[in-house]
Amino acid sequence: MTGRLFLIDGSAYAYRSFHAIQRLTNAAGEPTNAVYGFARVLLKILREHQPDHIAVVFDAPGKTFREDIYREYKATRPPTPEDLVAQMPYIDELVRALNIALIRVEGVEADDVLGTLARRAATDGMEVVLVSGDKDLMQLVSDRVLLFDPAKGDKGVWYRPEDVRNRFGVPPERVPDALGLMGDSVDNVPGVRGIGEKTAKSLLETYGSIEGIYEH
């Protein structure tokens, strides 16, 4: 396959839309804020970027392999609001009505599916756009894989390899080192005590990697 493939982090934009838009319901009083916000993001991508290929990836319900690796993963995150859960079937229906591939993989988080598909498509010669605001996915950015967050600003924000380096002080393949130092309170992943993004960037600009920090 050739052309440009857009891979959309569906769970992230459904969740973001749910919290960004308040008090929106249909005539029956059912919540529609997540559906409406998600539709706006999806239609904007189709209208402004006209991708050659496109898929939306969602988290599957239930436990993932990440929890087997680290039992406390996302342990502090509250359960998904019931009003958002009730809207997910309608978001699925919207994606299918637009004839867009919808992907869920049992036991695997959407991030991991997005990463796998992006790497495979890039290896096959396609240009890939990961549509997400998740900094974890910045480790995948390359000359063939870009990260795009359409929800930031009027035209969205693009991340290329140089943008990742400007943010973390290291190339994309070393983003896991930065995240390992910083940790992630949202996912309940511990980092190094007292080190945030600014200090992590300074250390990595100086020593290049976590291994380099230990060596010095």
Foldseek 3Di string as FASTA:
>chain_A
DEWEEEEEAQAQQLLVQDVVDPDDDDPVRQDCRSVVRSVVVVVCCCVVPVGPAYAYEAEDDDAAVVCVVPVCFQVVPDDDDPSSVVCVVVSVVVCVVVVHHYDYDPRHHRLVVVLVVQVVCVVVPYAYEYADPDPLCLLSAAPRYKYWHCVPPPRTDIDHQVNNCVQQVAGSVQVVQLCQQAPDVNRPGDHNPPDHRVNRSVQCNVQVGPVSSVVD
